[in-house]
Amino acid sequence: MVDDVNSVVGDWARGFAGHDHARDLPPHHPRCLGCGPENPHGHHLQVWREGDAVRAEHAFDERHVGAPGIAHGGAVATVLDDLFGFLLYRIGEPAVTRHLEVGYRAPVLLGTPYLLEAGLQRREGRKLFVRAQGTDEGGALVVEANAVFVVVGREHFARGGGDVVRVAP
């Protein structure tokens, strides 16, 4: 059983390498909440690479409702966190979210397409500092996010990620 888990995790972690120049990026895995095509509760995010950034167009639906007609902030944060994960294809190493901060500039409306874009701001050792934004069809900023991801080895995922990743502040 442990060998099966290590094999699956190893295949998944190796998948982050080799997509440095791909335009359309594959889902992280089929059941991923953000992008997995086989997750019936997921967002089914489809992401492409444009230069050093990753982009997606996304519309939230009734499954993501917070206040009437408005997407739940947690659903929006989930999508932005998942978008950051697509930067890992460019970096070529698996990493996990250490800190995520989301700023809501305007209500994120259900049924409205938003252009989401994320990029790597800088890297300090294992820490990846990333930034994202979401704009409406008119180009108005509605949401922005900053995050710190920490590069980890595949053993992190083989053990279920239960241990705290220790990184100097």
N, C-alpha and C. Protein backbone atom coordinates (compact mmCIF):
# COMPACT_ATOMS: atom_id res chain seq x y z
N MET A 1 0.82 -1.20 0.00
CA MET A 1 0.00 0.00 0.00
C MET A 1 0.87 1.26 0.00
N VAL A 2 1.90 1.31 0.87
CA VAL A 2 2.79 2.47 0.93
C VAL A 2 3.49 2.67 -0.41
N ASP A 3 3.92 1.58 -1.06
CA ASP A 3 4.56 1.69 -2.35
C ASP A 3 3.61 2.25 -3.39
N ASP A 4 2.32 1.84 -3.33
CA ASP A 4 1.33 2.37 -4.26
C ASP A 4 1.16 3.87 -4.08
N VAL A 5 1.07 4.32 -2.82
CA VAL A 5 0.93 5.75 -2.53
C VAL A 5 2.16 6.50 -3.02
N ASN A 6 3.35 5.99 -2.72
CA ASN A 6 4.58 6.65 -3.16
C ASN A 6 4.66 6.73 -4.67
N SER A 7 4.20 5.70 -5.37
CA SER A 7 4.22 5.70 -6.82
C SER A 7 3.28 6.76 -7.39
N VAL A 8 2.07 6.81 -6.86
CA VAL A 8 1.09 7.80 -7.33
C VAL A 8 1.58 9.21 -7.03
N VAL A 9 2.06 9.45 -5.81
CA VAL A 9 2.54 10.77 -5.43
C VAL A 9 3.76 11.14 -6.27
N GLY A 10 4.65 10.19 -6.49
CA GLY A 10 5.83 10.45 -7.31
C GLY A 10 5.46 10.86 -8.72
N ASP A 11 4.52 10.13 -9.32
CA ASP A 11 4.05 10.48 -10.68
C ASP A 11 3.45 11.88 -10.69
N TRP A 12 2.66 12.19 -9.67
CA TRP A 12 2.01 13.50 -9.59
C TRP A 12 3.06 14.59 -9.43
N ALA A 13 4.01 14.41 -8.52
CA ALA A 13 5.03 15.44 -8.28
C ALA A 13 5.90 15.64 -9.52
N ARG A 14 6.25 14.58 -10.22
CA ARG A 14 7.06 14.70 -11.44
C ARG A 14 6.29 15.44 -12.54
N GLY A 15 4.97 15.44 -12.46
CA GLY A 15 4.16 16.13 -13.45
C GLY A 15 4.36 17.63 -13.47
N PHE A 16 4.91 18.21 -12.38
CA PHE A 16 5.15 19.65 -12.36
C PHE A 16 6.32 20.03 -13.26
N ALA A 17 7.20 19.10 -13.52
CA ALA A 17 8.31 19.38 -14.44
C ALA A 17 7.82 19.14 -15.86
N GLY A 18 8.38 19.86 -16.81
CA GLY A 18 8.07 19.60 -18.21
C GLY A 18 6.95 20.42 -18.80
N HIS A 19 6.34 21.32 -18.05
CA HIS A 19 5.26 22.15 -18.60
C HIS A 19 5.68 23.61 -18.70
N ASP A 20 6.98 23.84 -18.68
CA ASP A 20 7.50 25.21 -18.65
C ASP A 20 7.02 26.05 -19.84
N HIS A 21 6.85 25.44 -20.99
CA HIS A 21 6.48 26.22 -22.17
C HIS A 21 5.09 25.88 -22.69
N ALA A 22 4.34 25.03 -21.98
CA ALA A 22 3.00 24.66 -22.43
C ALA A 22 2.06 25.86 -22.29
N ARG A 23 1.17 26.02 -23.26
CA ARG A 23 0.18 27.10 -23.17
C ARG A 23 -0.99 26.66 -22.30
N ASP A 24 -1.67 25.57 -22.66
CA ASP A 24 -2.77 25.04 -21.86
C ASP A 24 -2.19 24.09 -20.83
N LEU A 25 -2.50 24.33 -19.57
CA LEU A 25 -1.91 23.54 -18.50
C LEU A 25 -2.90 22.47 -18.01
N PRO A 26 -2.40 21.29 -17.68
CA PRO A 26 -3.29 20.20 -17.24
C PRO A 26 -3.76 20.42 -15.81
N PRO A 27 -4.88 19.81 -15.43
CA PRO A 27 -5.33 19.89 -14.04
C PRO A 27 -4.27 19.31 -13.10
N HIS A 28 -4.28 19.76 -11.86
CA HIS A 28 -3.34 19.24 -10.87
C HIS A 28 -3.55 17.74 -10.69
N HIS A 29 -4.78 17.33 -10.59
CA HIS A 29 -5.18 15.92 -10.62
C HIS A 29 -6.68 15.88 -10.87
N PRO A 30 -7.23 14.75 -11.30
CA PRO A 30 -8.63 14.70 -11.73
C PRO A 30 -9.66 15.12 -10.67
N ARG A 31 -9.36 14.96 -9.38
CA ARG A 31 -10.35 15.26 -8.35
C ARG A 31 -10.05 16.56 -7.60
N CYS A 32 -9.10 17.34 -8.09
CA CYS A 32 -8.75 18.62 -7.46
C CYS A 32 -10.01 19.50 -7.34
N LEU A 33 -10.21 20.10 -6.18
CA LEU A 33 -11.38 20.96 -5.96
C LEU A 33 -11.37 22.18 -6.89
N GLY A 34 -10.21 22.71 -7.18
CA GLY A 34 -10.15 23.88 -8.04
C GLY A 34 -10.25 23.58 -9.52
N CYS A 35 -9.55 22.55 -9.98
CA CYS A 35 -9.44 22.33 -11.43
C CYS A 35 -9.76 20.92 -11.90
N GLY A 36 -10.03 20.01 -11.00
CA GLY A 36 -10.24 18.62 -11.38
C GLY A 36 -11.53 18.40 -12.16
N PRO A 37 -11.42 17.86 -13.37
CA PRO A 37 -12.61 17.63 -14.19
C PRO A 37 -13.53 16.54 -13.64
N GLU A 38 -13.01 15.69 -12.74
CA GLU A 38 -13.82 14.60 -12.19
C GLU A 38 -14.42 14.94 -10.83
N ASN A 39 -14.24 16.16 -10.34
CA ASN A 39 -14.79 16.55 -9.06
C ASN A 39 -16.14 17.23 -9.29
N PRO A 40 -17.24 16.58 -8.92
CA PRO A 40 -18.56 17.17 -9.20
C PRO A 40 -18.82 18.46 -8.43
N HIS A 41 -18.07 18.69 -7.37
CA HIS A 41 -18.26 19.91 -6.56
C HIS A 41 -17.21 20.96 -6.89
N GLY A 42 -16.32 20.67 -7.82
CA GLY A 42 -15.20 21.55 -8.11
C GLY A 42 -15.54 22.71 -9.04
N HIS A 43 -14.54 23.53 -9.23
CA HIS A 43 -14.68 24.72 -10.08
C HIS A 43 -14.31 24.45 -11.53
N HIS A 44 -13.63 23.35 -11.80
CA HIS A 44 -13.23 22.95 -13.15
C HIS A 44 -12.46 24.06 -13.87
N LEU A 45 -11.58 24.71 -13.13
CA LEU A 45 -10.77 25.78 -13.66
C LEU A 45 -9.89 25.29 -14.80
N GLN A 46 -9.90 26.00 -15.91
CA GLN A 46 -9.04 25.68 -17.06
C GLN A 46 -8.07 26.85 -17.20
N VAL A 47 -6.79 26.52 -17.11
CA VAL A 47 -5.75 27.54 -16.99
C VAL A 47 -4.80 27.44 -18.16
N TRP A 48 -4.35 28.60 -18.62
CA TRP A 48 -3.34 28.64 -19.67
C TRP A 48 -2.19 29.54 -19.22
N ARG A 49 -1.08 29.34 -19.87
CA ARG A 49 0.11 30.13 -19.58
C ARG A 49 0.21 31.24 -20.61
N GLU A 50 0.54 32.42 -20.15
CA GLU A 50 0.75 33.56 -21.04
C GLU A 50 1.98 34.30 -20.53
N GLY A 51 3.10 34.13 -21.23
CA GLY A 51 4.36 34.69 -20.75
C GLY A 51 4.76 34.02 -19.45
N ASP A 52 5.06 34.82 -18.44
CA ASP A 52 5.42 34.28 -17.13
C ASP A 52 4.21 34.12 -16.22
N ALA A 53 3.04 34.50 -16.68
CA ALA A 53 1.82 34.45 -15.87
C ALA A 53 0.97 33.24 -16.25
N VAL A 54 0.04 32.91 -15.37
CA VAL A 54 -1.01 31.94 -15.68
C VAL A 54 -2.33 32.68 -15.62
N ARG A 55 -3.25 32.27 -16.50
CA ARG A 55 -4.54 32.94 -16.60
C ARG A 55 -5.67 31.93 -16.70
N ALA A 56 -6.84 32.39 -16.31
CA ALA A 56 -8.06 31.59 -16.45
C ALA A 56 -9.23 32.54 -16.55
N GLU A 57 -10.26 32.11 -17.24
CA GLU A 57 -11.52 32.83 -17.21
C GLU A 57 -12.47 31.95 -16.42
N HIS A 58 -13.15 32.55 -15.45
CA HIS A 58 -14.01 31.75 -14.58
C HIS A 58 -15.27 32.51 -14.20
N ALA A 59 -16.38 31.80 -14.18
CA ALA A 59 -17.65 32.34 -13.69
C ALA A 59 -18.13 31.44 -12.55
N PHE A 60 -18.43 32.03 -11.42
CA PHE A 60 -18.95 31.27 -10.29
C PHE A 60 -20.43 31.01 -10.53
N ASP A 61 -20.92 29.86 -10.00
CA ASP A 61 -22.32 29.50 -10.22
C ASP A 61 -23.04 29.30 -8.89
N GLU A 62 -24.26 28.82 -8.93
CA GLU A 62 -25.10 28.69 -7.74
C GLU A 62 -24.48 27.80 -6.66
N ARG A 63 -23.57 26.91 -7.03
CA ARG A 63 -22.90 26.06 -6.04
C ARG A 63 -21.98 26.89 -5.15
N HIS A 64 -21.66 28.10 -5.57
CA HIS A 64 -20.66 28.93 -4.89
C HIS A 64 -21.28 30.15 -4.20
N VAL A 65 -22.59 30.16 -4.03
CA VAL A 65 -23.30 31.33 -3.51
C VAL A 65 -22.95 31.59 -2.04
N GLY A 66 -22.75 32.88 -1.75
CA GLY A 66 -22.61 33.36 -0.37
C GLY A 66 -23.88 34.14 -0.10
N ALA A 67 -23.82 35.45 -0.27
CA ALA A 67 -25.03 36.26 -0.25
C ALA A 67 -25.75 36.07 -1.58
N PRO A 68 -27.04 36.33 -1.64
CA PRO A 68 -27.76 36.12 -2.90
C PRO A 68 -27.09 36.84 -4.08
N GLY A 69 -26.80 36.06 -5.11
CA GLY A 69 -26.21 36.61 -6.33
C GLY A 69 -24.72 36.86 -6.28
N ILE A 70 -24.10 36.60 -5.14
CA ILE A 70 -22.68 36.88 -4.94
C ILE A 70 -21.95 35.60 -4.55
N ALA A 71 -20.76 35.41 -5.10
CA ALA A 71 -19.95 34.24 -4.77
C ALA A 71 -19.45 34.33 -3.33
N HIS A 72 -19.42 33.19 -2.67
CA HIS A 72 -18.89 33.09 -1.32
C HIS A 72 -17.40 33.40 -1.35
N GLY A 73 -16.92 34.19 -0.39
CA GLY A 73 -15.50 34.55 -0.35
C GLY A 73 -14.58 33.35 -0.30
N GLY A 74 -15.00 32.29 0.37
CA GLY A 74 -14.19 31.08 0.43
C GLY A 74 -14.06 30.40 -0.92
N ALA A 75 -15.11 30.45 -1.73
CA ALA A 75 -15.05 29.89 -3.07
C ALA A 75 -14.09 30.68 -3.94
N VAL A 76 -14.12 32.00 -3.79
CA VAL A 76 -13.20 32.86 -4.55
C VAL A 76 -11.76 32.58 -4.12
N ALA A 77 -11.53 32.46 -2.82
CA ALA A 77 -10.19 32.18 -2.30
C ALA A 77 -9.70 30.82 -2.81
N THR A 78 -10.60 29.83 -2.88
CA THR A 78 -10.23 28.50 -3.38
C THR A 78 -9.72 28.59 -4.81
N VAL A 79 -10.44 29.33 -5.64
CA VAL A 79 -10.05 29.45 -7.04
C VAL A 79 -8.70 30.17 -7.18
N LEU A 80 -8.49 31.23 -6.42
CA LEU A 80 -7.22 31.95 -6.50
C LEU A 80 -6.07 31.09 -5.98
N ASP A 81 -6.29 30.34 -4.90
CA ASP A 81 -5.27 29.44 -4.38
C ASP A 81 -4.92 28.38 -5.43
N ASP A 82 -5.93 27.86 -6.09
CA ASP A 82 -5.68 26.85 -7.13
C ASP A 82 -4.94 27.46 -8.32
N LEU A 83 -5.30 28.68 -8.69
CA LEU A 83 -4.60 29.36 -9.78
C LEU A 83 -3.12 29.50 -9.45
N PHE A 84 -2.81 29.85 -8.20
CA PHE A 84 -1.41 29.93 -7.79
C PHE A 84 -0.71 28.59 -8.01
N GLY A 85 -1.42 27.51 -7.77
CA GLY A 85 -0.84 26.18 -7.96
C GLY A 85 -0.38 25.93 -9.38
N PHE A 86 -0.97 26.59 -10.34
CA PHE A 86 -0.56 26.41 -11.74
C PHE A 86 0.79 27.07 -12.02
N LEU A 87 1.20 28.00 -11.18
CA LEU A 87 2.54 28.57 -11.33
C LEU A 87 3.61 27.51 -11.08
N LEU A 88 3.25 26.47 -10.36
CA LEU A 88 4.22 25.41 -10.05
C LEU A 88 4.64 24.66 -11.31
N TYR A 89 3.80 24.63 -12.33
CA TYR A 89 4.21 24.02 -13.60
C TYR A 89 5.39 24.79 -14.20
N ARG A 90 5.37 26.09 -14.05
CA ARG A 90 6.47 26.92 -14.55
C ARG A 90 7.72 26.73 -13.69
N ILE A 91 7.53 26.65 -12.39
CA ILE A 91 8.65 26.51 -11.47
C ILE A 91 9.24 25.11 -11.54
N GLY A 92 8.39 24.11 -11.77
CA GLY A 92 8.85 22.74 -11.93
C GLY A 92 9.03 21.96 -10.64
N GLU A 93 8.48 22.47 -9.54
CA GLU A 93 8.58 21.80 -8.25
C GLU A 93 7.25 21.89 -7.52
N PRO A 94 6.88 20.85 -6.75
CA PRO A 94 5.66 20.96 -5.96
C PRO A 94 5.87 21.89 -4.77
N ALA A 95 4.80 22.55 -4.36
CA ALA A 95 4.84 23.46 -3.22
C ALA A 95 3.45 23.48 -2.59
N VAL A 96 3.37 24.02 -1.38
CA VAL A 96 2.10 24.12 -0.66
C VAL A 96 1.89 25.56 -0.19
N THR A 97 0.64 25.90 0.02
CA THR A 97 0.29 27.24 0.50
C THR A 97 0.67 27.38 1.96
N ARG A 98 1.43 28.40 2.27
CA ARG A 98 1.76 28.70 3.66
C ARG A 98 0.90 29.85 4.16
N HIS A 99 0.68 30.84 3.31
CA HIS A 99 -0.10 32.02 3.69
C HIS A 99 -0.87 32.49 2.47
N LEU A 100 -2.14 32.84 2.65
CA LEU A 100 -2.97 33.35 1.57
C LEU A 100 -3.78 34.53 2.10
N GLU A 101 -3.67 35.65 1.40
CA GLU A 101 -4.41 36.85 1.77
C GLU A 101 -5.21 37.30 0.56
N VAL A 102 -6.51 37.48 0.74
CA VAL A 102 -7.39 37.86 -0.36
C VAL A 102 -8.05 39.18 -0.03
N GLY A 103 -8.02 40.11 -0.99
CA GLY A 103 -8.70 41.39 -0.84
C GLY A 103 -9.83 41.49 -1.83
N TYR A 104 -11.02 41.72 -1.33
CA TYR A 104 -12.21 41.81 -2.18
C TYR A 104 -12.49 43.29 -2.42
N ARG A 105 -12.37 43.73 -3.67
CA ARG A 105 -12.57 45.14 -4.01
C ARG A 105 -14.01 45.45 -4.39
N ALA A 106 -14.73 44.43 -4.86
CA ALA A 106 -16.14 44.57 -5.27
C ALA A 106 -16.77 43.19 -5.15
N PRO A 107 -18.09 43.11 -5.08
CA PRO A 107 -18.73 41.80 -5.04
C PRO A 107 -18.36 40.98 -6.28
N VAL A 108 -18.06 39.70 -6.05
CA VAL A 108 -17.80 38.77 -7.15
C VAL A 108 -19.15 38.12 -7.45
N LEU A 109 -19.73 38.51 -8.58
CA LEU A 109 -21.09 38.12 -8.91
C LEU A 109 -21.17 36.73 -9.53
N LEU A 110 -22.25 36.03 -9.24
CA LEU A 110 -22.49 34.73 -9.86
C LEU A 110 -22.81 34.93 -11.34
N GLY A 111 -22.36 34.00 -12.16
CA GLY A 111 -22.69 34.02 -13.58
C GLY A 111 -21.92 35.05 -14.39
N THR A 112 -21.01 35.76 -13.79
CA THR A 112 -20.23 36.78 -14.48
C THR A 112 -18.83 36.25 -14.75
N PRO A 113 -18.36 36.31 -15.99
CA PRO A 113 -17.00 35.83 -16.26
C PRO A 113 -15.96 36.84 -15.76
N TYR A 114 -14.93 36.29 -15.11
CA TYR A 114 -13.82 37.09 -14.61
C TYR A 114 -12.53 36.56 -15.21
N LEU A 115 -11.63 37.47 -15.54
CA LEU A 115 -10.29 37.09 -15.98
C LEU A 115 -9.40 37.07 -14.75
N LEU A 116 -8.81 35.93 -14.49
CA LEU A 116 -7.92 35.75 -13.34
C LEU A 116 -6.50 35.60 -13.85
N GLU A 117 -5.57 36.24 -13.18
CA GLU A 117 -4.17 36.17 -13.60
C GLU A 117 -3.28 36.10 -12.36
N ALA A 118 -2.26 35.24 -12.42
CA ALA A 118 -1.32 35.10 -11.30
C ALA A 118 0.10 35.05 -11.82
N GLY A 119 1.02 35.51 -10.98
CA GLY A 119 2.43 35.48 -11.34
C GLY A 119 3.32 35.34 -10.11
N LEU A 120 4.52 34.88 -10.36
CA LEU A 120 5.53 34.78 -9.32
C LEU A 120 6.19 36.14 -9.17
N GLN A 121 6.19 36.68 -7.97
CA GLN A 121 6.84 37.97 -7.71
C GLN A 121 8.33 37.80 -7.43
N ARG A 122 8.64 36.80 -6.57
CA ARG A 122 10.04 36.53 -6.26
C ARG A 122 10.14 35.18 -5.55
N ARG A 123 11.38 34.71 -5.46
CA ARG A 123 11.66 33.47 -4.75
C ARG A 123 12.80 33.73 -3.77
N GLU A 124 12.61 33.24 -2.55
CA GLU A 124 13.66 33.31 -1.53
C GLU A 124 13.84 31.90 -0.97
N GLY A 125 14.83 31.19 -1.49
CA GLY A 125 15.02 29.80 -1.08
C GLY A 125 13.82 28.97 -1.46
N ARG A 126 13.18 28.35 -0.46
CA ARG A 126 12.00 27.52 -0.71
C ARG A 126 10.71 28.34 -0.76
N LYS A 127 10.76 29.61 -0.39
CA LYS A 127 9.56 30.45 -0.37
C LYS A 127 9.30 31.06 -1.74
N LEU A 128 8.06 30.94 -2.19
CA LEU A 128 7.61 31.55 -3.44
C LEU A 128 6.58 32.61 -3.10
N PHE A 129 6.82 33.84 -3.49
CA PHE A 129 5.91 34.95 -3.24
C PHE A 129 5.12 35.18 -4.52
N VAL A 130 3.81 35.00 -4.45
CA VAL A 130 2.97 35.06 -5.64
C VAL A 130 1.85 36.08 -5.45
N ARG A 131 1.34 36.58 -6.58
CA ARG A 131 0.28 37.59 -6.57
C ARG A 131 -0.72 37.27 -7.67
N ALA A 132 -2.00 37.53 -7.40
CA ALA A 132 -3.06 37.30 -8.39
C ALA A 132 -4.06 38.44 -8.35
N GLN A 133 -4.82 38.53 -9.43
CA GLN A 133 -5.92 39.49 -9.48
C GLN A 133 -7.02 38.93 -10.36
N GLY A 134 -8.22 39.43 -10.13
CA GLY A 134 -9.37 39.09 -10.95
C GLY A 134 -10.05 40.36 -11.40
N THR A 135 -10.33 40.44 -12.69
CA THR A 135 -10.99 41.62 -13.25
C THR A 135 -12.28 41.21 -13.95
N ASP A 136 -13.23 42.14 -13.98
CA ASP A 136 -14.47 41.86 -14.69
C ASP A 136 -14.30 42.15 -16.19
N GLU A 137 -15.36 41.98 -16.95
CA GLU A 137 -15.27 42.15 -18.41
C GLU A 137 -14.87 43.56 -18.82
N GLY A 138 -15.14 44.54 -17.97
CA GLY A 138 -14.75 45.92 -18.25
C GLY A 138 -13.34 46.25 -17.80
N GLY A 139 -12.65 45.26 -17.19
CA GLY A 139 -11.28 45.47 -16.74
C GLY A 139 -11.16 46.00 -15.32
N ALA A 140 -12.28 46.14 -14.62
CA ALA A 140 -12.23 46.63 -13.24
C ALA A 140 -11.73 45.54 -12.30
N LEU A 141 -10.85 45.92 -11.39
CA LEU A 141 -10.32 44.99 -10.41
C LEU A 141 -11.40 44.68 -9.37
N VAL A 142 -11.70 43.38 -9.18
CA VAL A 142 -12.71 42.99 -8.20
C VAL A 142 -12.10 42.19 -7.04
N VAL A 143 -10.97 41.51 -7.29
CA VAL A 143 -10.35 40.72 -6.24
C VAL A 143 -8.85 40.64 -6.50
N GLU A 144 -8.08 40.59 -5.42
CA GLU A 144 -6.64 40.44 -5.54
C GLU A 144 -6.16 39.54 -4.41
N ALA A 145 -5.02 38.91 -4.61
CA ALA A 145 -4.50 38.00 -3.59
C ALA A 145 -2.98 37.99 -3.61
N ASN A 146 -2.43 37.79 -2.44
CA ASN A 146 -0.99 37.57 -2.27
C ASN A 146 -0.85 36.29 -1.48
N ALA A 147 0.18 35.53 -1.79
CA ALA A 147 0.40 34.28 -1.07
C ALA A 147 1.88 33.96 -0.99
N VAL A 148 2.19 33.12 -0.02
CA VAL A 148 3.52 32.54 0.09
C VAL A 148 3.33 31.03 -0.02
N PHE A 149 4.02 30.44 -0.97
CA PHE A 149 4.05 28.98 -1.12
C PHE A 149 5.42 28.51 -0.68
N VAL A 150 5.50 27.28 -0.19
CA VAL A 150 6.75 26.69 0.23
C VAL A 150 7.00 25.43 -0.59
N VAL A 151 8.16 25.38 -1.25
CA VAL A 151 8.53 24.20 -2.04
C VAL A 151 8.78 23.05 -1.07
N VAL A 152 8.19 21.89 -1.39
CA VAL A 152 8.33 20.70 -0.55
C VAL A 152 8.71 19.51 -1.42
N GLY A 153 9.25 18.49 -0.79
CA GLY A 153 9.54 17.24 -1.47
C GLY A 153 8.28 16.39 -1.55
N ARG A 154 8.31 15.41 -2.41
CA ARG A 154 7.10 14.59 -2.58
C ARG A 154 6.76 13.79 -1.33
N GLU A 155 7.72 13.57 -0.42
CA GLU A 155 7.43 12.86 0.82
C GLU A 155 6.39 13.62 1.65
N HIS A 156 6.31 14.92 1.47
CA HIS A 156 5.30 15.73 2.15
C HIS A 156 3.90 15.22 1.81
N PHE A 157 3.67 14.88 0.55
CA PHE A 157 2.37 14.43 0.10
C PHE A 157 2.15 12.95 0.40
N ALA A 158 3.22 12.17 0.39
CA ALA A 158 3.10 10.74 0.68
C ALA A 158 2.64 10.51 2.11
N ARG A 159 2.99 11.41 3.01
CA ARG A 159 2.56 11.25 4.40
C ARG A 159 1.25 11.99 4.64
N GLY A 160 0.64 12.49 3.61
CA GLY A 160 -0.64 13.17 3.75
C GLY A 160 -0.51 14.62 4.11
N GLY A 161 0.71 15.15 4.16
CA GLY A 161 0.90 16.56 4.47
C GLY A 161 0.55 16.93 5.89
N GLY A 162 0.48 15.96 6.80
CA GLY A 162 0.04 16.22 8.16
C GLY A 162 1.04 16.99 9.00
N ASP A 163 2.31 16.94 8.66
CA ASP A 163 3.31 17.63 9.46
C ASP A 163 3.42 19.09 9.04
N VAL A 164 3.76 19.93 9.97
CA VAL A 164 3.94 21.36 9.70
C VAL A 164 5.25 21.53 8.92
N VAL A 165 5.20 22.32 7.87
CA VAL A 165 6.41 22.65 7.12
C VAL A 165 7.11 23.78 7.86
N ARG A 166 8.31 23.53 8.32
CA ARG A 166 9.04 24.54 9.06
C ARG A 166 9.91 25.36 8.11
N VAL A 167 9.68 26.66 8.11
CA VAL A 167 10.42 27.57 7.26
C VAL A 167 10.77 28.79 8.10
N ALA A 168 11.99 29.26 7.96
CA ALA A 168 12.39 30.45 8.71
C ALA A 168 11.50 31.62 8.33
N PRO A 169 11.14 32.46 9.30
CA PRO A 169 10.26 33.61 8.99
C PRO A 169 10.89 34.60 8.04
